[in-house]
N, C-alpha and C. Protein backbone atom coordinates (compact mmCIF):
# COMPACT_ATOMS: atom_id res chain seq x y z
N UNK A 1 -6.69 53.97 34.14
CA UNK A 1 -5.48 53.98 33.32
C UNK A 1 -6.16 52.85 32.10
N UNK A 2 -6.96 52.08 31.90
CA UNK A 2 -7.00 51.42 31.11
C UNK A 2 -7.54 52.26 29.73
N UNK A 3 -8.20 53.18 30.15
CA UNK A 3 -8.97 54.26 29.18
C UNK A 3 -7.93 55.25 28.68
N UNK A 4 -6.92 55.31 29.48
CA UNK A 4 -5.77 56.34 29.00
C UNK A 4 -4.88 55.56 27.86
N UNK A 5 -4.79 54.36 28.24
CA UNK A 5 -4.08 53.04 27.08
C UNK A 5 -4.55 52.73 26.01
N UNK A 6 -5.91 52.93 25.80
CA UNK A 6 -7.09 52.65 24.92
C UNK A 6 -6.78 54.13 24.10
N UNK A 7 -6.58 55.35 24.39
CA UNK A 7 -6.50 56.19 23.86
C UNK A 7 -5.18 56.66 22.81
N UNK A 8 -3.71 56.09 23.40
CA UNK A 8 -3.14 56.11 23.26
C UNK A 8 -2.73 54.65 22.28
N UNK A 9 -3.10 53.40 22.70
CA UNK A 9 -3.30 52.73 21.27
C UNK A 9 -4.28 52.42 20.11
N UNK A 10 -5.09 53.86 20.53
CA UNK A 10 -5.75 53.94 19.17
C UNK A 10 -5.53 55.02 18.58
N UNK A 11 -4.60 55.87 19.06
CA UNK A 11 -3.97 56.99 18.40
C UNK A 11 -2.61 56.04 17.28
N UNK A 12 -2.01 55.42 17.66
CA UNK A 12 -1.00 54.67 17.60
C UNK A 12 -1.42 54.15 16.46
N UNK A 13 -2.52 53.14 16.47
CA UNK A 13 -3.29 52.70 15.06
C UNK A 13 -3.63 53.21 14.26
N UNK A 14 -4.15 54.47 14.25
CA UNK A 14 -4.41 55.69 13.39
C UNK A 14 -3.04 56.11 13.26
N UNK A 15 -2.12 56.26 12.94
CA UNK A 15 -0.67 56.49 13.02
C UNK A 15 -0.41 55.39 12.02
N UNK A 16 -0.07 54.36 12.36
CA UNK A 16 0.11 53.31 11.84
C UNK A 16 -0.61 52.95 10.64
N UNK A 17 -2.08 53.05 10.09
CA UNK A 17 -2.06 53.52 8.93
C UNK A 17 -2.14 54.41 8.30
N UNK A 18 -2.24 55.65 8.95
CA UNK A 18 -2.12 56.66 8.28
C UNK A 18 -0.81 57.31 7.57
N UNK A 19 0.33 56.93 8.21
CA UNK A 19 1.80 57.29 7.43
C UNK A 19 1.92 56.71 6.61
N UNK A 20 1.54 55.49 5.73
CA UNK A 20 1.82 55.13 4.46
C UNK A 20 0.89 55.90 2.95
N UNK A 21 -0.23 56.13 3.90
CA UNK A 21 -1.24 56.71 2.72
C UNK A 21 -0.79 58.45 2.88
N UNK A 22 -0.41 59.03 3.75
CA UNK A 22 0.23 60.23 3.16
C UNK A 22 1.73 59.85 2.77
N UNK A 23 2.40 58.87 2.58
CA UNK A 23 3.59 58.74 1.72
C UNK A 23 3.23 58.55 0.26
N UNK A 24 1.82 58.85 -0.27
CA UNK A 24 1.21 58.57 -1.44
C UNK A 24 0.71 59.64 -1.80
N UNK A 25 0.71 60.75 -1.34
CA UNK A 25 0.63 61.54 -1.85
C UNK A 25 1.29 62.30 -2.86
N UNK A 26 0.67 62.98 -3.84
CA UNK A 26 1.08 63.52 -4.86
C UNK A 26 2.20 64.57 -4.41
N UNK A 27 3.49 64.86 -4.65
CA UNK A 27 4.56 65.19 -4.56
C UNK A 27 4.50 66.89 -4.32
N UNK A 28 3.36 67.56 -4.60
CA UNK A 28 2.82 68.43 -4.81
C UNK A 28 2.23 69.21 -3.34
N UNK A 29 1.51 67.94 -2.59
CA UNK A 29 0.83 68.23 -1.57
C UNK A 29 1.46 67.45 -0.28
N UNK A 30 2.43 66.22 -0.66
CA UNK A 30 3.17 65.30 0.45
C UNK A 30 3.70 66.55 1.22
N UNK A 31 4.52 67.48 0.89
CA UNK A 31 5.47 68.27 1.89
C UNK A 31 4.60 69.53 2.41
N UNK A 32 3.13 69.33 1.93
CA UNK A 32 2.32 70.53 2.92
C UNK A 32 1.42 69.99 3.81
N UNK A 33 0.12 69.54 3.16
CA UNK A 33 -0.56 68.79 3.97
C UNK A 33 -0.04 67.60 4.24
N UNK A 34 0.92 66.61 3.88
CA UNK A 34 1.24 65.37 4.33
C UNK A 34 1.80 65.76 5.65
N UNK A 35 3.20 66.62 5.35
CA UNK A 35 3.73 66.81 6.81
C UNK A 35 2.84 67.38 7.91
N UNK A 36 2.00 68.38 7.02
CA UNK A 36 1.44 68.68 8.52
C UNK A 36 0.22 67.58 9.17
N UNK A 37 -0.68 66.69 8.33
CA UNK A 37 -1.00 65.65 9.06
C UNK A 37 -0.26 65.00 9.72
N UNK A 38 0.94 64.50 9.47
CA UNK A 38 2.27 63.72 10.09
C UNK A 38 2.23 64.49 11.08
N UNK A 39 2.63 65.51 11.35
CA UNK A 39 3.36 66.28 12.37
C UNK A 39 2.05 66.37 13.07
N UNK A 40 0.63 66.47 12.88
CA UNK A 40 -0.23 66.91 14.20
C UNK A 40 -0.60 65.58 14.88
N UNK A 41 -0.61 64.27 13.67
CA UNK A 41 -0.88 62.96 14.16
C UNK A 41 0.32 62.74 15.47
N UNK A 42 1.64 62.77 15.24
CA UNK A 42 2.74 62.72 15.86
C UNK A 42 2.61 63.23 17.44
N UNK A 43 2.43 64.60 16.98
CA UNK A 43 1.90 65.51 18.30
C UNK A 43 0.83 65.18 19.14
N UNK A 44 -0.08 64.65 18.64
CA UNK A 44 -1.34 64.12 19.75
C UNK A 44 -0.79 62.61 20.57
N UNK A 45 0.06 61.62 19.49
CA UNK A 45 0.44 60.64 20.41
C UNK A 45 1.27 60.84 21.40
N UNK A 46 1.81 62.11 21.13
CA UNK A 46 3.07 62.39 21.68
C UNK A 46 1.98 62.81 23.37
N UNK A 47 1.48 64.04 23.05
CA UNK A 47 0.57 64.76 23.90
C UNK A 47 -0.32 63.41 25.01
N UNK A 48 -0.59 62.88 24.30
CA UNK A 48 -1.35 61.10 25.01
C UNK A 48 -0.62 61.00 26.14
N UNK A 49 0.62 60.30 25.45
CA UNK A 49 1.80 59.82 26.15
C UNK A 49 1.98 60.64 27.20
N UNK A 50 2.47 61.83 27.14
CA UNK A 50 2.72 62.10 27.93
C UNK A 50 1.69 62.72 29.32
N UNK A 51 0.40 62.58 28.88
CA UNK A 51 -0.89 62.77 29.99
C UNK A 51 -1.14 61.73 30.39
N UNK A 52 -0.62 60.73 29.90
CA UNK A 52 -0.42 58.93 31.08
C UNK A 52 0.23 59.01 32.01
N UNK A 53 1.12 60.11 32.03
CA UNK A 53 2.75 60.23 32.51
C UNK A 53 2.74 61.15 33.57
N UNK A 54 1.53 62.22 33.64
CA UNK A 54 1.74 63.02 35.09
C UNK A 54 0.39 63.68 35.30
N UNK A 55 0.66 64.63 35.77
CA UNK A 55 -0.46 65.03 37.05
C UNK A 55 -1.59 65.89 36.22
N UNK A 56 -0.68 67.07 35.39
CA UNK A 56 -1.33 68.02 34.42
C UNK A 56 -2.21 67.45 33.13
N UNK A 57 -3.46 66.52 33.22
CA UNK A 57 -3.06 65.97 32.22
C UNK A 57 -4.47 66.75 31.38
N UNK A 58 -4.98 67.47 31.95
CA UNK A 58 -6.30 68.42 31.37
C UNK A 58 -5.75 69.33 30.32
N UNK A 59 -4.45 70.10 30.42
CA UNK A 59 -4.40 70.96 29.89
C UNK A 59 -3.75 70.13 27.96
N UNK A 60 -2.84 69.21 28.49
CA UNK A 60 -2.28 68.10 27.76
C UNK A 60 -3.18 67.48 26.59
N UNK A 61 -4.29 67.15 27.53
CA UNK A 61 -5.61 66.16 26.71
C UNK A 61 -6.38 67.21 26.06
N UNK A 62 -6.93 68.34 26.38
CA UNK A 62 -7.62 69.63 25.62
C UNK A 62 -6.18 69.93 24.18
N UNK A 63 -5.05 70.20 24.23
CA UNK A 63 -4.24 69.94 23.13
C UNK A 63 -4.24 69.13 22.18
N UNK A 64 -4.27 67.92 23.21
CA UNK A 64 -4.65 66.62 21.33
C UNK A 64 -6.05 66.85 20.94
N UNK A 65 -6.94 66.89 21.86
CA UNK A 65 -8.27 67.37 21.16
C UNK A 65 -8.16 67.84 20.19
N UNK A 66 -7.66 69.42 20.24
CA UNK A 66 -7.63 70.27 19.52
C UNK A 66 -6.70 70.18 18.20
N UNK A 67 -5.45 69.28 18.06
CA UNK A 67 -5.10 68.32 16.81
C UNK A 67 -5.55 67.72 16.05
N UNK A 68 -6.47 66.73 17.26
CA UNK A 68 -7.16 65.98 16.38
C UNK A 68 -8.34 66.83 15.32
N UNK A 69 -8.62 67.67 15.97
CA UNK A 69 -10.09 68.49 15.21
C UNK A 69 -8.99 68.78 13.98
N UNK A 70 -8.12 69.70 14.26
CA UNK A 70 -6.89 70.44 12.93
C UNK A 70 -6.77 68.76 12.12
N UNK A 71 -6.60 68.09 12.48
CA UNK A 71 -5.86 66.32 11.37
C UNK A 71 -7.37 66.57 10.62
N UNK A 72 -8.63 66.67 11.33
CA UNK A 72 -9.88 66.27 10.78
C UNK A 72 -10.25 67.19 9.63
N UNK A 73 -9.76 68.55 9.78
CA UNK A 73 -10.05 69.35 8.37
C UNK A 73 -9.24 68.80 7.87
N UNK A 74 -7.88 68.74 8.07
CA UNK A 74 -6.72 68.52 6.41
C UNK A 74 -7.08 67.02 5.99
N UNK A 75 -7.65 66.26 6.66
CA UNK A 75 -7.91 65.06 5.86
C UNK A 75 -9.19 64.96 4.86
N UNK A 76 -10.20 66.16 5.65
CA UNK A 76 -11.33 66.37 4.62
C UNK A 76 -10.82 67.11 3.77
N UNK A 77 -9.63 68.20 3.59
CA UNK A 77 -8.85 68.74 2.63
C UNK A 77 -8.60 67.81 1.61
N UNK A 78 -7.45 67.04 2.49
CA UNK A 78 -7.47 65.62 1.27
C UNK A 78 -8.23 65.20 0.47
N UNK A 79 -10.11 64.64 1.06
CA UNK A 79 -10.58 64.24 0.26
C UNK A 79 -11.46 65.23 -0.63
N UNK A 80 -11.43 66.49 -0.54
CA UNK A 80 -11.87 67.62 -1.16
C UNK A 80 -11.17 67.66 -2.13
N UNK A 81 -9.88 67.64 -2.22
CA UNK A 81 -8.78 67.53 -3.40
C UNK A 81 -8.38 66.30 -4.07
N UNK A 82 -9.27 65.36 -3.91
CA UNK A 82 -9.38 63.94 -4.21
C UNK A 82 -7.99 63.45 -4.18
N UNK A 83 -7.18 63.78 -3.21
CA UNK A 83 -6.23 63.12 -2.76
C UNK A 83 -6.10 61.51 -1.99
N UNK A 84 -7.51 61.19 -1.45
CA UNK A 84 -7.60 60.22 -0.74
C UNK A 84 -8.93 59.92 -1.03
N UNK A 85 -9.07 58.94 -0.95
CA UNK A 85 -10.59 58.02 -1.45
C UNK A 85 -11.54 58.04 -0.51
N UNK A 86 -12.85 58.31 -1.27
CA UNK A 86 -14.11 58.21 -0.45
C UNK A 86 -13.70 57.04 0.89
N UNK A 87 -13.95 55.86 0.31
CA UNK A 87 -13.67 54.72 1.15
C UNK A 87 -12.55 55.11 2.38
N UNK A 88 -10.90 55.15 2.22
CA UNK A 88 -10.34 55.67 2.99
C UNK A 88 -10.60 56.50 3.88
N UNK A 89 -10.63 58.00 3.26
CA UNK A 89 -11.74 58.91 4.26
C UNK A 89 -12.42 58.19 5.35
N UNK A 90 -13.50 57.83 4.47
CA UNK A 90 -14.33 57.18 5.74
C UNK A 90 -13.77 56.55 6.91
N UNK A 91 -12.84 55.77 6.10
CA UNK A 91 -12.26 54.84 7.68
C UNK A 91 -11.66 55.39 8.31
N UNK A 92 -10.51 56.75 7.91
CA UNK A 92 -9.66 57.46 8.93
C UNK A 92 -10.71 58.16 9.71
N UNK A 93 -11.70 58.51 8.95
CA UNK A 93 -12.56 59.97 9.78
C UNK A 93 -13.29 58.82 11.02
N UNK A 94 -13.79 57.73 11.00
CA UNK A 94 -14.14 56.54 11.85
C UNK A 94 -12.87 56.42 12.89
N UNK A 95 -11.96 56.47 12.18
CA UNK A 95 -11.01 55.87 13.09
C UNK A 95 -10.68 57.20 14.17
N UNK A 96 -10.73 58.36 13.57
CA UNK A 96 -10.05 59.62 14.34
C UNK A 96 -11.27 59.71 15.45
N UNK A 97 -12.36 59.49 15.23
CA UNK A 97 -13.72 60.09 15.62
C UNK A 97 -13.52 59.23 17.05
N UNK A 98 -13.80 57.79 16.79
CA UNK A 98 -13.31 56.96 17.87
C UNK A 98 -12.00 57.47 18.81
N UNK A 99 -11.04 57.85 18.52
CA UNK A 99 -9.76 58.05 19.29
C UNK A 99 -10.44 59.60 19.65
N UNK A 100 -10.96 60.37 19.37
CA UNK A 100 -11.52 61.58 19.83
C UNK A 100 -12.27 61.42 21.09
N UNK A 101 -13.14 60.90 20.96
CA UNK A 101 -14.22 60.18 21.73
C UNK A 101 -13.46 59.82 23.01
N UNK A 102 -12.58 58.92 22.60
CA UNK A 102 -11.85 58.32 23.93
C UNK A 102 -11.12 59.58 24.86
N UNK A 103 -10.40 60.43 23.86
CA UNK A 103 -10.04 61.77 24.68
C UNK A 103 -10.80 62.64 25.26
N UNK A 104 -12.28 62.60 24.87
CA UNK A 104 -13.14 63.64 25.54
C UNK A 104 -13.31 63.01 26.35
N UNK A 105 -13.56 61.48 26.64
CA UNK A 105 -13.97 60.65 27.87
C UNK A 105 -12.65 60.98 28.92
N UNK A 106 -11.54 60.61 28.51
CA UNK A 106 -10.68 61.36 29.22
C UNK A 106 -10.72 62.62 29.74
N UNK A 107 -10.88 63.68 28.81
CA UNK A 107 -11.05 65.14 29.43
C UNK A 107 -12.09 65.05 30.08
N UNK A 108 -13.20 64.40 30.05
CA UNK A 108 -14.60 64.98 31.15
C UNK A 108 -13.89 63.76 32.74
N UNK A 109 -12.98 62.89 32.28
CA UNK A 109 -12.83 62.24 33.68
C UNK A 109 -12.22 63.25 34.70
N UNK A 110 -11.07 63.41 34.13
CA UNK A 110 -10.23 64.75 34.83
C UNK A 110 -10.67 65.68 35.15
N UNK A 111 -11.79 66.26 34.34
CA UNK A 111 -12.76 67.42 34.76
C UNK A 111 -13.79 67.38 35.98
N UNK A 112 -13.66 66.18 36.14
CA UNK A 112 -14.68 65.33 37.38
C UNK A 112 -13.87 65.16 38.55
N UNK A 113 -12.40 64.69 38.39
CA UNK A 113 -11.57 64.17 39.57
C UNK A 113 -11.07 65.83 39.86
N UNK A 114 -11.70 66.74 39.03
CA UNK A 114 -10.43 68.32 39.38
C UNK A 114 -11.52 69.04 39.97
N UNK A 115 -12.79 68.32 40.26
CA UNK A 115 -14.26 69.25 41.42
C UNK A 115 -14.17 68.46 42.63
């Protein structure tokens, strides 16, 4: 249960940092890239919370993992378009990778339990 809460807490912290950053995007990107990144992050948090309260965890965790990967690419696009500084991109990339590692560990645990 502690690992589950670590994944939820990490994603919460990612969003707490990320949401103000997205709101600073130029108007031309705020409502395309910004909204999509925000939606994906909120989806991941919701899926992780739901997974911590249900028996059908594996499907939810796999969905969360895919959305994290989509976030990575959109944030990389923000960096490539110079919408995010290299320092900020480096920070959020590390944080999302850590969240992904926690989700990946949780997936492995669930696959082990299914056997």
